[in-house]
Amino acid sequence: MQTISVLIGIICAILLIPGIIPFLGWLQWATLAGSIVGIIFGAFPKRKIGLIINIAVALVAALRLFLGGGLV
């Protein structure tokens, strides 16, 4: 489960980068949803690196959506 969480976190982090560009806010919603799934997978293993990666991605995606009004 740790490996799955880290992979989800890395994929979401890669999708986060182009989503910061204006008018790609829909990509942030997908990134936020994926990172929540990664948080669920990362909550159970003993090592929490996947959980930390996914929380960081979720926070940046949520901040971007908040600043952009949730749409753009």
C-alpha atoms as a PDB file:
ATOM      1  CA  MET A   1       0.000   0.000   0.000  1.00  0.00           C
ATOM      2  CA  GLN A   2       2.964   2.298   0.615  1.00  0.00           C
ATOM      3  CA  THR A   3       4.144   1.881  -2.978  1.00  0.00           C
ATOM      4  CA  ILE A   4       0.674   2.582  -4.344  1.00  0.00           C
ATOM      5  CA  SER A   5       0.411   5.729  -2.245  1.00  0.00           C
ATOM      6  CA  VAL A   6       3.809   7.022  -3.382  1.00  0.00           C
ATOM      7  CA  LEU A   7       2.983   6.313  -7.046  1.00  0.00           C
ATOM      8  CA  ILE A   8      -0.349   8.114  -6.753  1.00  0.00           C
ATOM      9  CA  GLY A   9       1.420  11.042  -5.078  1.00  0.00           C
ATOM     10  CA  ILE A  10       4.037  11.310  -7.805  1.00  0.00           C
ATOM     11  CA  ILE A  11       1.439  11.129 -10.588  1.00  0.00           C
ATOM     12  CA  CYS A  12      -0.682  13.780  -8.885  1.00  0.00           C
ATOM     13  CA  ALA A  13       2.377  15.980  -8.360  1.00  0.00           C
ATOM     14  CA  ILE A  14       3.183  15.749 -12.068  1.00  0.00           C
ATOM     15  CA  LEU A  15      -0.413  16.682 -12.938  1.00  0.00           C
ATOM     16  CA  LEU A  16      -0.281  19.543 -10.448  1.00  0.00           C
ATOM     17  CA  ILE A  17       2.395  21.439 -12.390  1.00  0.00           C
ATOM     18  CA  PRO A  18       0.435  22.150 -15.609  1.00  0.00           C
ATOM     19  CA  GLY A  19      -2.741  22.680 -13.568  1.00  0.00           C
ATOM     20  CA  ILE A  20      -1.296  25.856 -12.086  1.00  0.00           C
ATOM     21  CA  ILE A  21      -1.622  27.505 -15.512  1.00  0.00           C
ATOM     22  CA  PRO A  22      -4.808  29.611 -15.718  1.00  0.00           C
ATOM     23  CA  PHE A  23      -7.841  27.953 -17.356  1.00  0.00           C
ATOM     24  CA  LEU A  24      -6.696  24.479 -16.338  1.00  0.00           C
ATOM     25  CA  GLY A  25      -8.527  24.456 -13.016  1.00  0.00           C
ATOM     26  CA  TRP A  26     -10.319  21.248 -13.966  1.00  0.00           C
ATOM     27  CA  LEU A  27      -6.966  19.490 -13.740  1.00  0.00           C
ATOM     28  CA  GLN A  28      -6.658  20.645 -10.131  1.00  0.00           C
ATOM     29  CA  TRP A  29      -9.956  18.941  -9.288  1.00  0.00           C
ATOM     30  CA  ALA A  30      -8.626  15.665 -10.705  1.00  0.00           C
ATOM     31  CA  THR A  31      -5.358  16.132  -8.830  1.00  0.00           C
ATOM     32  CA  LEU A  32      -7.197  16.833  -5.581  1.00  0.00           C
ATOM     33  CA  ALA A  33      -9.377  13.738  -5.973  1.00  0.00           C
ATOM     34  CA  GLY A  34      -6.373  11.558  -6.781  1.00  0.00           C
ATOM     35  CA  SER A  35      -4.394  12.836  -3.840  1.00  0.00           C
ATOM     36  CA  ILE A  36      -7.297  12.069  -1.497  1.00  0.00           C
ATOM     37  CA  VAL A  37      -7.198   8.474  -2.716  1.00  0.00           C
ATOM     38  CA  GLY A  38      -3.435   8.517  -2.102  1.00  0.00           C
ATOM     39  CA  ILE A  39      -4.001   9.844   1.412  1.00  0.00           C
ATOM     40  CA  ILE A  40      -6.316   6.921   2.111  1.00  0.00           C
ATOM     41  CA  PHE A  41      -3.730   4.421   0.887  1.00  0.00           C
ATOM     42  CA  GLY A  42      -0.928   6.212   2.722  1.00  0.00           C
ATOM     43  CA  ALA A  43      -2.684   6.279   6.088  1.00  0.00           C
ATOM     44  CA  PHE A  44      -2.212   2.576   6.833  1.00  0.00           C
ATOM     45  CA  PRO A  45       1.511   1.722   6.347  1.00  0.00           C
ATOM     46  CA  LYS A  46       4.084   2.291   9.045  1.00  0.00           C
ATOM     47  CA  ARG A  47       6.222   4.656   6.915  1.00  0.00           C
ATOM     48  CA  LYS A  48       4.247   7.792   6.082  1.00  0.00           C
ATOM     49  CA  ILE A  49       6.133   9.174   3.056  1.00  0.00           C
ATOM     50  CA  GLY A  50       3.218   8.528   0.687  1.00  0.00           C
ATOM     51  CA  LEU A  51       0.848  10.236   3.095  1.00  0.00           C
ATOM     52  CA  ILE A  52       3.100  13.297   3.322  1.00  0.00           C
ATOM     53  CA  ILE A  53       3.471  13.576  -0.461  1.00  0.00           C
ATOM     54  CA  ASN A  54      -0.272  13.331  -1.011  1.00  0.00           C
ATOM     55  CA  ILE A  55      -1.105  15.828   1.725  1.00  0.00           C
ATOM     56  CA  ALA A  56       1.336  18.337   0.216  1.00  0.00           C
ATOM     57  CA  VAL A  57      -0.165  17.879  -3.266  1.00  0.00           C
ATOM     58  CA  ALA A  58      -3.706  18.181  -1.883  1.00  0.00           C
ATOM     59  CA  LEU A  59      -2.851  21.394  -0.031  1.00  0.00           C
ATOM     60  CA  VAL A  60      -1.303  23.029  -3.103  1.00  0.00           C
ATOM     61  CA  ALA A  61      -4.221  21.941  -5.314  1.00  0.00           C
ATOM     62  CA  ALA A  62      -6.776  23.200  -2.783  1.00  0.00           C
ATOM     63  CA  LEU A  63      -4.931  26.515  -2.440  1.00  0.00           C
ATOM     64  CA  ARG A  64      -4.851  26.940  -6.216  1.00  0.00           C
ATOM     65  CA  LEU A  65      -8.571  26.197  -6.452  1.00  0.00           C
ATOM     66  CA  PHE A  66      -9.319  28.600  -3.599  1.00  0.00           C
ATOM     67  CA  LEU A  67      -7.345  31.414  -5.196  1.00  0.00           C
ATOM     68  CA  GLY A  68      -8.853  30.766  -8.616  1.00  0.00           C
ATOM     69  CA  GLY A  69     -12.431  30.655  -7.369  1.00  0.00           C
ATOM     70  CA  GLY A  70     -12.721  26.911  -7.924  1.00  0.00           C
ATOM     71  CA  LEU A  71     -13.211  27.042 -11.668  1.00  0.00           C
ATOM     72  CA  VAL A  72     -10.283  28.585 -13.496  1.00  0.00           C
END
